[in-house]
C-alpha atoms as a PDB file:
ATOM      1  CA  UNK A   1       0.000   0.000   0.000  1.00  0.00           C
ATOM      2  CA  UNK A   2       1.594   3.290  -1.019  1.00  0.00           C
ATOM      3  CA  UNK A   3       1.798   5.983   1.629  1.00  0.00           C
ATOM      4  CA  UNK A   4       1.237   9.730   1.429  1.00  0.00           C
ATOM      5  CA  UNK A   5       1.523  12.795   3.691  1.00  0.00           C
ATOM      6  CA  UNK A   6      -1.757  11.931   5.423  1.00  0.00           C
ATOM      7  CA  UNK A   7      -1.343   8.159   5.639  1.00  0.00           C
ATOM      8  CA  UNK A   8       2.056   6.828   6.678  1.00  0.00           C
ATOM      9  CA  UNK A   9       3.553   4.276   9.084  1.00  0.00           C
ATOM     10  CA  UNK A  10       3.554   5.086  12.813  1.00  0.00           C
ATOM     11  CA  UNK A  11       7.347   4.874  12.859  1.00  0.00           C
ATOM     12  CA  UNK A  12       7.428   8.089  10.812  1.00  0.00           C
ATOM     13  CA  UNK A  13       5.023  10.125  12.957  1.00  0.00           C
ATOM     14  CA  UNK A  14       7.695  11.932  15.008  1.00  0.00           C
ATOM     15  CA  UNK A  15       9.735  13.020  11.998  1.00  0.00           C
ATOM     16  CA  UNK A  16       9.550  16.628  10.907  1.00  0.00           C
ATOM     17  CA  UNK A  17       7.531  16.991   7.675  1.00  0.00           C
ATOM     18  CA  UNK A  18      10.470  17.290   5.222  1.00  0.00           C
ATOM     19  CA  UNK A  19      12.154  14.184   6.644  1.00  0.00           C
ATOM     20  CA  UNK A  20       8.863  12.274   6.850  1.00  0.00           C
ATOM     21  CA  UNK A  21       8.044  13.181   3.245  1.00  0.00           C
ATOM     22  CA  UNK A  22      11.465  11.913   2.147  1.00  0.00           C
ATOM     23  CA  UNK A  23      10.879   8.680   4.095  1.00  0.00           C
ATOM     24  CA  UNK A  24       7.490   8.243   2.414  1.00  0.00           C
ATOM     25  CA  UNK A  25       9.056   8.851  -1.006  1.00  0.00           C
ATOM     26  CA  UNK A  26      11.811   6.310  -0.349  1.00  0.00           C
ATOM     27  CA  UNK A  27       9.431   3.712   1.139  1.00  0.00           C
ATOM     28  CA  UNK A  28       7.071   3.959  -1.833  1.00  0.00           C
ATOM     29  CA  UNK A  29       9.988   3.521  -4.252  1.00  0.00           C
ATOM     30  CA  UNK A  30      11.134   0.444  -2.335  1.00  0.00           C
ATOM     31  CA  UNK A  31       7.613  -0.998  -2.446  1.00  0.00           C
ATOM     32  CA  UNK A  32       7.590  -0.448  -6.213  1.00  0.00           C
ATOM     33  CA  UNK A  33      10.866  -2.378  -6.358  1.00  0.00           C
ATOM     34  CA  UNK A  34       9.256  -5.336  -4.604  1.00  0.00           C
ATOM     35  CA  UNK A  35      10.421  -4.871  -1.016  1.00  0.00           C
ATOM     36  CA  UNK A  36       8.139  -6.063   1.789  1.00  0.00           C
ATOM     37  CA  UNK A  37       6.455  -3.274   3.781  1.00  0.00           C
ATOM     38  CA  UNK A  38       8.424  -3.807   6.993  1.00  0.00           C
ATOM     39  CA  UNK A  39      11.767  -3.812   5.207  1.00  0.00           C
ATOM     40  CA  UNK A  40      10.803  -0.782   3.089  1.00  0.00           C
ATOM     41  CA  UNK A  41       9.848   1.183   6.224  1.00  0.00           C
ATOM     42  CA  UNK A  42      13.092   0.302   8.027  1.00  0.00           C
ATOM     43  CA  UNK A  43      15.280   1.262   5.080  1.00  0.00           C
ATOM     44  CA  UNK A  44      13.302   4.421   4.320  1.00  0.00           C
ATOM     45  CA  UNK A  45      13.394   5.738   7.880  1.00  0.00           C
ATOM     46  CA  UNK A  46      17.156   5.185   8.104  1.00  0.00           C
ATOM     47  CA  UNK A  47      17.827   6.796   4.733  1.00  0.00           C
ATOM     48  CA  UNK A  48      15.498   9.741   5.419  1.00  0.00           C
ATOM     49  CA  UNK A  49      17.236  10.384   8.734  1.00  0.00           C
ATOM     50  CA  UNK A  50      20.593  10.369   6.970  1.00  0.00           C
ATOM     51  CA  UNK A  51      19.197  12.662   4.244  1.00  0.00           C
ATOM     52  CA  UNK A  52      17.955  15.089   6.906  1.00  0.00           C
ATOM     53  CA  UNK A  53      21.314  15.132   8.652  1.00  0.00           C
ATOM     54  CA  UNK A  54      23.104  15.780   5.351  1.00  0.00           C
ATOM     55  CA  UNK A  55      20.745  18.671   4.556  1.00  0.00           C
ATOM     56  CA  UNK A  56      20.846  20.277   8.033  1.00  0.00           C
ATOM     57  CA  UNK A  57      17.191  19.463   8.661  1.00  0.00           C
ATOM     58  CA  UNK A  58      15.670  18.973  12.079  1.00  0.00           C
ATOM     59  CA  UNK A  59      14.941  15.242  12.135  1.00  0.00           C
ATOM     60  CA  UNK A  60      12.363  14.796  14.890  1.00  0.00           C
ATOM     61  CA  UNK A  61       9.695  16.934  16.457  1.00  0.00           C
ATOM     62  CA  UNK A  62      10.716  18.633  19.707  1.00  0.00           C
ATOM     63  CA  UNK A  63      10.581  16.290  22.680  1.00  0.00           C
ATOM     64  CA  UNK A  64      11.026  13.100  20.620  1.00  0.00           C
END
């Protein structure tokens, strides 16, 4: 099931919007490539976090 900015895995809920949107984009691409949902989410969250760090983005919402 592809995700969007309104419907995404719980593991992405504490990400700031730019990082979450990148994670959603990556996860959807992985799904298209045949990855299982759980694996796609794990890879996408790790890669989105790294992307955020490389682009000086705040990764998580305050307090998380």
